[in-house]
Amino acid sequence: MTDVLLKIGELAARAQVSPRTVDYYTSLGLLTPAKRTASNYRLYDPADVDRIHLVQRLEVQGVPLEEIATALRNQHADLGAILDRIDEDLRTLQTVAEAASPEVHGLLAAVATRVHSLITVALQIPPDLPLP
């Protein structure tokens, strides 16, 4: 870690969230302190600002915080298999939408838009984002 570690208030200020949000994210396992001081202050990596923003983008898309935490902890996920499954699911959704009534077609179009938004967010995750 070549950057200076941040106290909770400094991290919160940089991420434009409250210290309570940082504390809550830490309690859920979304953030992990890089180390503790002799006085037991939690110190965070500056890259955690990006992680906070990622969590917020996913949460806005409707992904529960618990699921985000699980995904961020899963360092051994096979990305290829995940992308294959997403592709298969999108093809199935497209096939169903083509055969659906106009009312259902509209609903499925909204679902497809949400899925595409989530994929876009997922693809923006920096490959070097530190995982706890």
Protein backbone atom coordinates (compact mmCIF):
# COMPACT_ATOMS: atom_id res chain seq x y z
CA MET A 1 0.00 0.00 0.00
CA THR A 2 1.80 3.04 -1.25
CA ASP A 3 -1.06 5.41 -0.39
CA VAL A 4 -1.67 6.76 3.07
CA LEU A 5 -4.41 4.87 4.89
CA LEU A 6 -7.55 6.77 5.83
CA LYS A 7 -9.45 7.04 9.08
CA ILE A 8 -13.18 6.42 8.89
CA GLY A 9 -14.04 10.14 8.72
CA GLU A 10 -11.51 10.77 5.96
CA LEU A 11 -12.85 7.84 3.93
CA ALA A 12 -16.41 9.03 4.44
CA ALA A 13 -15.53 12.55 3.31
CA ARG A 14 -13.75 11.33 0.17
CA ALA A 15 -16.64 9.00 -0.70
CA GLN A 16 -19.22 11.67 0.18
CA VAL A 17 -21.05 9.44 2.65
CA SER A 18 -21.48 9.60 6.40
CA PRO A 19 -19.11 7.85 8.79
CA ARG A 20 -22.16 5.79 9.85
CA THR A 21 -22.43 4.48 6.28
CA VAL A 22 -18.77 3.41 6.33
CA ASP A 23 -19.36 1.75 9.69
CA TYR A 24 -22.49 -0.01 8.40
CA TYR A 25 -20.74 -1.21 5.24
CA THR A 26 -17.91 -2.51 7.40
CA SER A 27 -20.34 -4.40 9.65
CA LEU A 28 -21.86 -6.07 6.55
CA GLY A 29 -18.45 -7.06 5.20
CA LEU A 30 -18.63 -4.67 2.24
CA LEU A 31 -15.52 -2.91 3.53
CA THR A 32 -12.61 -4.29 5.49
CA PRO A 33 -10.18 -2.06 7.36
CA ALA A 34 -6.65 -2.39 6.02
CA LYS A 35 -5.29 -2.21 9.56
CA ARG A 36 -5.87 -0.78 13.01
CA THR A 37 -3.81 1.75 14.89
CA ALA A 38 -2.42 1.19 18.37
CA SER A 39 -5.43 3.20 19.57
CA ASN A 40 -7.69 0.71 17.73
CA TYR A 41 -8.76 3.20 15.03
CA ARG A 42 -9.77 1.50 11.80
CA LEU A 43 -7.71 2.54 8.79
CA TYR A 44 -8.98 2.06 5.24
CA ASP A 45 -7.31 1.87 1.86
CA PRO A 46 -8.04 4.89 -0.40
CA ALA A 47 -9.36 2.41 -3.02
CA ASP A 48 -12.28 1.82 -0.66
CA VAL A 49 -13.75 5.08 -1.99
CA ASP A 50 -14.28 3.26 -5.32
CA ARG A 51 -15.73 0.27 -3.51
CA ILE A 52 -18.26 2.48 -1.70
CA HIS A 53 -19.31 4.03 -5.01
CA LEU A 54 -19.64 0.57 -6.57
CA VAL A 55 -21.83 -0.62 -3.70
CA GLN A 56 -24.03 2.45 -4.06
CA ARG A 57 -24.45 1.93 -7.83
CA LEU A 58 -25.42 -1.71 -7.31
CA GLU A 59 -27.80 -0.83 -4.50
CA VAL A 60 -29.53 1.77 -6.71
CA GLN A 61 -30.04 -1.00 -9.27
CA GLY A 62 -31.92 -2.99 -6.61
CA VAL A 63 -29.20 -5.44 -5.59
CA PRO A 64 -29.48 -6.15 -1.83
CA LEU A 65 -26.43 -5.23 0.26
CA GLU A 66 -26.11 -8.81 1.51
CA GLU A 67 -25.83 -10.08 -2.08
CA ILE A 68 -23.26 -7.42 -2.90
CA ALA A 69 -21.20 -8.46 0.11
CA THR A 70 -21.37 -12.12 -0.93
CA ALA A 71 -20.30 -11.28 -4.49
CA LEU A 72 -17.40 -9.12 -3.32
CA ARG A 73 -16.17 -11.87 -0.99
CA ASN A 74 -16.31 -14.53 -3.72
CA GLN A 75 -12.77 -14.19 -5.05
CA HIS A 76 -12.84 -17.59 -6.74
CA ALA A 77 -15.85 -17.03 -8.99
CA ASP A 78 -15.44 -18.27 -12.55
CA LEU A 79 -16.14 -15.10 -14.52
CA GLY A 80 -16.47 -17.00 -17.81
CA ALA A 81 -19.18 -19.25 -16.41
CA ILE A 82 -21.01 -16.26 -14.95
CA LEU A 83 -20.96 -14.42 -18.27
CA ASP A 84 -22.13 -17.56 -20.09
CA ARG A 85 -25.05 -17.88 -17.69
CA ILE A 86 -25.96 -14.21 -18.15
CA ASP A 87 -25.84 -14.64 -21.93
CA GLU A 88 -28.06 -17.74 -21.74
CA ASP A 89 -30.54 -15.97 -19.45
CA LEU A 90 -30.70 -12.95 -21.77
CA ARG A 91 -31.35 -15.20 -24.78
CA THR A 92 -34.16 -16.94 -22.88
CA LEU A 93 -35.62 -13.58 -21.88
CA GLN A 94 -35.49 -12.40 -25.50
CA THR A 95 -37.23 -15.59 -26.74
CA VAL A 96 -39.99 -15.25 -24.14
CA ALA A 97 -40.43 -11.54 -24.87
CA GLU A 98 -40.88 -12.21 -28.59
CA ALA A 99 -43.73 -14.64 -27.91
CA ALA A 100 -45.40 -12.64 -25.15
CA SER A 101 -48.53 -10.52 -25.22
CA PRO A 102 -47.99 -6.73 -25.53
CA GLU A 103 -48.55 -6.22 -21.79
CA VAL A 104 -46.07 -8.90 -20.79
CA HIS A 105 -43.67 -7.76 -23.51
CA GLY A 106 -43.51 -4.32 -21.85
CA LEU A 107 -42.75 -5.88 -18.48
CA LEU A 108 -40.06 -8.12 -19.95
CA ALA A 109 -38.54 -5.12 -21.74
CA ALA A 110 -38.29 -3.35 -18.36
CA VAL A 111 -36.63 -6.45 -16.87
CA ALA A 112 -34.18 -6.60 -19.77
CA THR A 113 -33.31 -2.93 -19.28
CA ARG A 114 -32.59 -3.57 -15.59
CA VAL A 115 -30.42 -6.59 -16.44
CA HIS A 116 -28.44 -4.59 -18.97
CA SER A 117 -27.91 -1.82 -16.39
CA LEU A 118 -26.60 -4.36 -13.89
CA ILE A 119 -24.26 -5.88 -16.44
CA THR A 120 -22.96 -2.41 -17.32
CA VAL A 121 -22.24 -1.73 -13.65
CA ALA A 122 -20.56 -5.12 -13.24
CA LEU A 123 -18.31 -4.49 -16.22
CA GLN A 124 -17.20 -1.19 -14.69
CA ILE A 125 -15.79 -2.91 -11.61
CA PRO A 126 -12.07 -2.20 -11.67
CA PRO A 127 -10.12 -5.46 -12.00
CA ASP A 128 -7.74 -4.30 -9.29
CA LEU A 129 -10.49 -3.46 -6.78
CA PRO A 130 -9.17 -4.84 -3.48
CA LEU A 131 -11.33 -7.62 -2.11
CA PRO A 132 -11.57 -8.34 1.63
